[in-house]
C-alpha atoms as a PDB file:
ATOM      1  CA  MET A   1      86.891  69.138  95.492  1.00  0.00           C
ATOM      2  CA  THR A   2      89.147  66.302  96.549  1.00  0.00           C
ATOM      3  CA  LEU A   3      90.598  65.401  99.913  1.00  0.00           C
ATOM      4  CA  LYS A   4      94.024  65.898  97.740  1.00  0.00           C
ATOM      5  CA  GLU A   5      93.264  68.734  95.836  1.00  0.00           C
ATOM      6  CA  GLU A   6      92.105  70.605  99.800  1.00  0.00           C
ATOM      7  CA  SER A   7      95.576  69.240 100.980  1.00  0.00           C
ATOM      8  CA  SER A   8      97.301  71.178  98.454  1.00  0.00           C
ATOM      9  CA  ARG A   9      95.941  74.421  98.924  1.00  0.00           C
ATOM     10  CA  LEU A  10      98.557  76.478 100.870  1.00  0.00           C
ATOM     11  CA  GLN A  11      98.020  79.167 103.127  1.00  0.00           C
ATOM     12  CA  GLY A  12     100.637  82.246 103.950  1.00  0.00           C
ATOM     13  CA  LEU A  13     101.782  83.929 106.959  1.00  0.00           C
ATOM     14  CA  PRO A  14      99.887  86.828 109.300  1.00  0.00           C
ATOM     15  CA  ALA A  15     101.030  90.401 108.337  1.00  0.00           C
ATOM     16  CA  VAL A  16     103.423  91.457 110.486  1.00  0.00           C
ATOM     17  CA  ILE A  17     102.484  94.744 110.294  1.00  0.00           C
ATOM     18  CA  ASP A  18     101.284  97.838 113.167  1.00  0.00           C
ATOM     19  CA  LYS A  19     100.152 101.418 112.982  1.00  0.00           C
ATOM     20  CA  ASN A  20     103.128 103.057 112.984  1.00  0.00           C
ATOM     21  CA  ILE A  21     105.001 101.282 109.763  1.00  0.00           C
ATOM     22  CA  VAL A  22     105.643 103.667 106.833  1.00  0.00           C
ATOM     23  CA  THR A  23     107.236 100.672 104.619  1.00  0.00           C
ATOM     24  CA  LEU A  24     105.978  97.514 104.045  1.00  0.00           C
ATOM     25  CA  VAL A  25     107.940  94.937 102.096  1.00  0.00           C
ATOM     26  CA  LEU A  26     105.407  92.471 100.121  1.00  0.00           C
ATOM     27  CA  GLY A  27     106.786  89.327  99.053  1.00  0.00           C
ATOM     28  CA  SER A  28     104.820  86.610  96.649  1.00  0.00           C
ATOM     29  CA  PHE A  29     103.907  83.711  98.848  1.00  0.00           C
ATOM     30  CA  PRO A  30     106.093  81.922 101.523  1.00  0.00           C
ATOM     31  CA  GLY A  31     108.427  79.281 100.057  1.00  0.00           C
ATOM     32  CA  GLU A  32     108.221  75.498 101.627  1.00  0.00           C
ATOM     33  CA  ALA A  33     111.372  76.512 104.331  1.00  0.00           C
ATOM     34  CA  SER A  34     108.838  79.398 105.488  1.00  0.00           C
ATOM     35  CA  LEU A  35     105.901  77.753 105.421  1.00  0.00           C
ATOM     36  CA  GLN A  36     107.268  74.855 107.566  1.00  0.00           C
ATOM     37  CA  ALA A  37     109.158  76.900 110.170  1.00  0.00           C
ATOM     38  CA  GLN A  38     106.106  79.729 109.832  1.00  0.00           C
ATOM     39  CA  GLN A  39     108.450  82.521 109.798  1.00  0.00           C
ATOM     40  CA  TYR A  40     109.100  84.978 106.918  1.00  0.00           C
ATOM     41  CA  TYR A  41     112.452  84.161 104.726  1.00  0.00           C
ATOM     42  CA  ALA A  42     113.102  81.611 107.006  1.00  0.00           C
ATOM     43  CA  HIS A  43     115.612  79.926 104.021  1.00  0.00           C
ATOM     44  CA  PRO A  44     119.245  80.082 105.156  1.00  0.00           C
ATOM     45  CA  ARG A  45     120.240  81.361 101.569  1.00  0.00           C
ATOM     46  CA  ASN A  46     117.709  83.953 100.847  1.00  0.00           C
ATOM     47  CA  GLN A  47     118.885  87.593 101.614  1.00  0.00           C
ATOM     48  CA  LEU A  48     116.192  89.267 102.459  1.00  0.00           C
ATOM     49  CA  TRP A  49     117.209  89.515 106.734  1.00  0.00           C
ATOM     50  CA  PRO A  50     120.953  90.502 105.537  1.00  0.00           C
ATOM     51  CA  ILE A  51     119.591  93.302 103.285  1.00  0.00           C
ATOM     52  CA  LEU A  52     117.316  94.676 106.088  1.00  0.00           C
ATOM     53  CA  SER A  53     120.093  94.200 108.211  1.00  0.00           C
ATOM     54  CA  ALA A  54     122.080  96.769 105.984  1.00  0.00           C
ATOM     55  CA  LEU A  55     118.941  98.976 105.763  1.00  0.00           C
ATOM     56  CA  THR A  56     118.688  99.193 109.780  1.00  0.00           C
ATOM     57  CA  GLY A  57     122.255  99.281 110.997  1.00  0.00           C
ATOM     58  CA  GLU A  58     120.639  96.408 113.076  1.00  0.00           C
ATOM     59  CA  ASP A  59     121.842  92.771 112.815  1.00  0.00           C
ATOM     60  CA  LEU A  60     118.462  91.582 112.293  1.00  0.00           C
ATOM     61  CA  ALA A  61     119.484  88.122 110.769  1.00  0.00           C
ATOM     62  CA  GLY A  62     121.842  87.873 113.964  1.00  0.00           C
ATOM     63  CA  LEU A  63     118.642  87.222 116.259  1.00  0.00           C
ATOM     64  CA  PRO A  64     116.012  85.038 116.877  1.00  0.00           C
ATOM     65  CA  TYR A  65     113.295  85.244 114.806  1.00  0.00           C
ATOM     66  CA  ALA A  66     110.580  86.031 117.547  1.00  0.00           C
ATOM     67  CA  ASP A  67     112.798  88.862 118.066  1.00  0.00           C
ATOM     68  CA  ARG A  68     113.260  89.934 114.618  1.00  0.00           C
ATOM     69  CA  LEU A  69     109.802  91.485 113.849  1.00  0.00           C
ATOM     70  CA  PRO A  70     109.600  94.065 117.077  1.00  0.00           C
ATOM     71  CA  ARG A  71     112.748  94.722 116.130  1.00  0.00           C
ATOM     72  CA  LEU A  72     111.663  95.162 112.234  1.00  0.00           C
ATOM     73  CA  LEU A  73     108.318  96.774 113.299  1.00  0.00           C
ATOM     74  CA  SER A  74     110.444  99.535 115.411  1.00  0.00           C
ATOM     75  CA  HIS A  75     111.860 100.488 112.014  1.00  0.00           C
ATOM     76  CA  ARG A  76     109.034 101.111 111.168  1.00  0.00           C
ATOM     77  CA  ILE A  77     108.803  98.433 108.232  1.00  0.00           C
ATOM     78  CA  GLY A  78     106.444  95.600 107.950  1.00  0.00           C
ATOM     79  CA  LEU A  79     105.891  92.246 105.830  1.00  0.00           C
ATOM     80  CA  TRP A  80     103.603  90.355 104.082  1.00  0.00           C
ATOM     81  CA  ASP A  81     102.872  88.678 101.032  1.00  0.00           C
ATOM     82  CA  VAL A  82     100.720  90.031  97.628  1.00  0.00           C
ATOM     83  CA  LEU A  83      99.190  86.421  97.956  1.00  0.00           C
ATOM     84  CA  GLY A  84      97.407  84.615 100.852  1.00  0.00           C
ATOM     85  CA  ALA A  85      96.551  81.250  99.427  1.00  0.00           C
ATOM     86  CA  CYS A  86      97.533  79.324  96.742  1.00  0.00           C
ATOM     87  CA  GLU A  87      98.586  75.673  95.352  1.00  0.00           C
ATOM     88  CA  ARG A  88     102.385  75.038  94.426  1.00  0.00           C
ATOM     89  CA  GLU A  89     104.597  72.459  94.429  1.00  0.00           C
ATOM     90  CA  GLY A  90     108.310  73.644  95.682  1.00  0.00           C
ATOM     91  CA  SER A  91     108.554  77.133  96.537  1.00  0.00           C
ATOM     92  CA  LEU A  92     109.081  78.708  92.910  1.00  0.00           C
ATOM     93  CA  ASP A  93     106.989  81.339  91.899  1.00  0.00           C
ATOM     94  CA  SER A  94     106.445  79.775  88.516  1.00  0.00           C
ATOM     95  CA  ALA A  95     104.782  76.835  90.212  1.00  0.00           C
ATOM     96  CA  ILE A  96     102.357  78.832  91.465  1.00  0.00           C
ATOM     97  CA  ARG A  97      98.463  78.006  90.857  1.00  0.00           C
ATOM     98  CA  LYS A  98      95.094  79.272  92.261  1.00  0.00           C
ATOM     99  CA  PRO A  99      96.440  81.597  93.582  1.00  0.00           C
ATOM    100  CA  ALA A 100      94.556  84.485  96.290  1.00  0.00           C
ATOM    101  CA  ALA A 101      95.209  87.968  97.131  1.00  0.00           C
ATOM    102  CA  ASN A 102      95.840  89.235 100.602  1.00  0.00           C
ATOM    103  CA  ASP A 103      92.664  91.534 101.773  1.00  0.00           C
ATOM    104  CA  PHE A 104      94.323  94.845 101.353  1.00  0.00           C
ATOM    105  CA  ALA A 105      91.166  96.385 101.908  1.00  0.00           C
ATOM    106  CA  ARG A 106      91.886  97.273 105.568  1.00  0.00           C
ATOM    107  CA  LEU A 107      95.723  98.684 104.987  1.00  0.00           C
ATOM    108  CA  ARG A 108      94.826 102.252 104.876  1.00  0.00           C
ATOM    109  CA  GLU A 109      92.871 101.894 107.742  1.00  0.00           C
ATOM    110  CA  LEU A 110      95.874  99.480 109.768  1.00  0.00           C
ATOM    111  CA  CYS A 111      98.799 101.324 108.896  1.00  0.00           C
ATOM    112  CA  PRO A 112      97.514 105.152 108.283  1.00  0.00           C
ATOM    113  CA  LEU A 113     101.215 106.276 107.911  1.00  0.00           C
ATOM    114  CA  LEU A 114     102.380 103.528 105.265  1.00  0.00           C
ATOM    115  CA  GLU A 115     103.762 105.489 102.382  1.00  0.00           C
ATOM    116  CA  THR A 116     105.983 103.367 100.419  1.00  0.00           C
ATOM    117  CA  VAL A 117     105.183  99.454  99.365  1.00  0.00           C
ATOM    118  CA  GLY A 118     108.256  97.851  98.154  1.00  0.00           C
ATOM    119  CA  PHE A 119     108.050  94.841  96.316  1.00  0.00           C
ATOM    120  CA  ASN A 120     110.200  91.910  96.919  1.00  0.00           C
ATOM    121  CA  GLY A 121     110.438  90.438  93.326  1.00  0.00           C
ATOM    122  CA  GLN A 122     108.642  90.954  89.734  1.00  0.00           C
ATOM    123  CA  THR A 123     105.852  88.048  91.011  1.00  0.00           C
ATOM    124  CA  SER A 124     104.745  90.463  93.645  1.00  0.00           C
ATOM    125  CA  GLY A 125     105.673  93.727  91.457  1.00  0.00           C
ATOM    126  CA  LYS A 126     102.732  92.445  89.476  1.00  0.00           C
ATOM    127  CA  PHE A 127     100.532  94.340  92.091  1.00  0.00           C
ATOM    128  CA  ALA A 128     102.421  97.605  91.966  1.00  0.00           C
ATOM    129  CA  PRO A 129      99.662  99.476  89.934  1.00  0.00           C
ATOM    130  CA  GLN A 130      96.861  98.491  92.360  1.00  0.00           C
ATOM    131  CA  PHE A 131      98.907  99.716  95.186  1.00  0.00           C
ATOM    132  CA  ALA A 132     100.210 102.814  93.255  1.00  0.00           C
ATOM    133  CA  ALA A 133      96.321 103.470  92.582  1.00  0.00           C
ATOM    134  CA  ALA A 134      95.659 103.744  96.262  1.00  0.00           C
ATOM    135  CA  GLY A 135      98.186 106.437  96.641  1.00  0.00           C
ATOM    136  CA  TYR A 136     101.542 104.263  97.767  1.00  0.00           C
ATOM    137  CA  ARG A 137     104.456 105.129  96.393  1.00  0.00           C
ATOM    138  CA  THR A 138     105.877 101.397  95.214  1.00  0.00           C
ATOM    139  CA  LEU A 139     109.412 100.017  94.544  1.00  0.00           C
ATOM    140  CA  ILE A 140     109.743  97.230  92.626  1.00  0.00           C
ATOM    141  CA  LEU A 141     113.311  95.748  94.079  1.00  0.00           C
ATOM    142  CA  PRO A 142     114.689  91.981  92.904  1.00  0.00           C
ATOM    143  CA  SER A 143     114.237  89.233  94.745  1.00  0.00           C
ATOM    144  CA  THR A 144     115.996  88.222  97.162  1.00  0.00           C
ATOM    145  CA  SER A 145     115.477  84.349  97.187  1.00  0.00           C
ATOM    146  CA  PRO A 146     118.089  82.130  96.413  1.00  0.00           C
ATOM    147  CA  ALA A 147     116.663  81.125  93.181  1.00  0.00           C
ATOM    148  CA  HIS A 148     117.162  84.977  91.915  1.00  0.00           C
ATOM    149  CA  ALA A 149     121.041  84.755  91.880  1.00  0.00           C
ATOM    150  CA  SER A 150     121.781  86.574  88.886  1.00  0.00           C
ATOM    151  CA  LEU A 151     122.631  89.373  90.713  1.00  0.00           C
ATOM    152  CA  SER A 152     124.822  89.782  93.713  1.00  0.00           C
ATOM    153  CA  PHE A 153     124.429  90.363  97.459  1.00  0.00           C
ATOM    154  CA  GLU A 154     125.850  93.663  96.600  1.00  0.00           C
ATOM    155  CA  LYS A 155     124.076  94.938  93.758  1.00  0.00           C
ATOM    156  CA  LYS A 156     121.059  93.863  95.626  1.00  0.00           C
ATOM    157  CA  LEU A 157     121.892  95.868  98.391  1.00  0.00           C
ATOM    158  CA  ILE A 158     122.649  98.867  96.196  1.00  0.00           C
ATOM    159  CA  ILE A 159     118.943  98.733  94.778  1.00  0.00           C
ATOM    160  CA  TRP A 160     117.641  97.826  98.008  1.00  0.00           C
ATOM    161  CA  THR A 161     118.984 101.172  99.727  1.00  0.00           C
ATOM    162  CA  ARG A 162     115.883 103.086  98.004  1.00  0.00           C
ATOM    163  CA  LEU A 163     113.870 101.504 100.834  1.00  0.00           C
ATOM    164  CA  ARG A 164     115.840 103.263 103.177  1.00  0.00           C
ATOM    165  CA  GLU A 165     115.046 106.723 101.839  1.00  0.00           C
ATOM    166  CA  THR A 166     111.305 105.787 102.825  1.00  0.00           C
ATOM    167  CA  LEU A 167     112.459 105.373 106.590  1.00  0.00           C
ATOM    168  CA  ALA A 168     113.620 108.990 107.123  1.00  0.00           C
END
């Protein structure tokens, strides 16, 4: 492997989980803005934080990032990505090369109350069958990425409200 090939390998972000989560939102892989900031869904036009704010009834989007994560966990929601590493130019899922999945083998042990896995978009949704086979309820949801503007925020939110049922 040359130095250039080695340097193009991107590493994802650590899981935001704990033993109390009942719902896990899985994206595909962090975009450039998120990797640079080391924050999930850091692009200002990504709609995940506003959607989660609406679902939880708490203005998560208005909080500093360091405060968002514990507040999200207090609502029993975790965040992670299906891929832990890949090669990619730009932020589009279609540009992902040499993907390496995160290790989900210990998920049941780390998150014993986890019931539902919501997939943020079609790319991460390709992993839904493996999670369903492991006994989790799965929901493939419209991507919150600004690259997926075919649905309005309001329409995405209506579909994402299916996650709210898992939090009751």
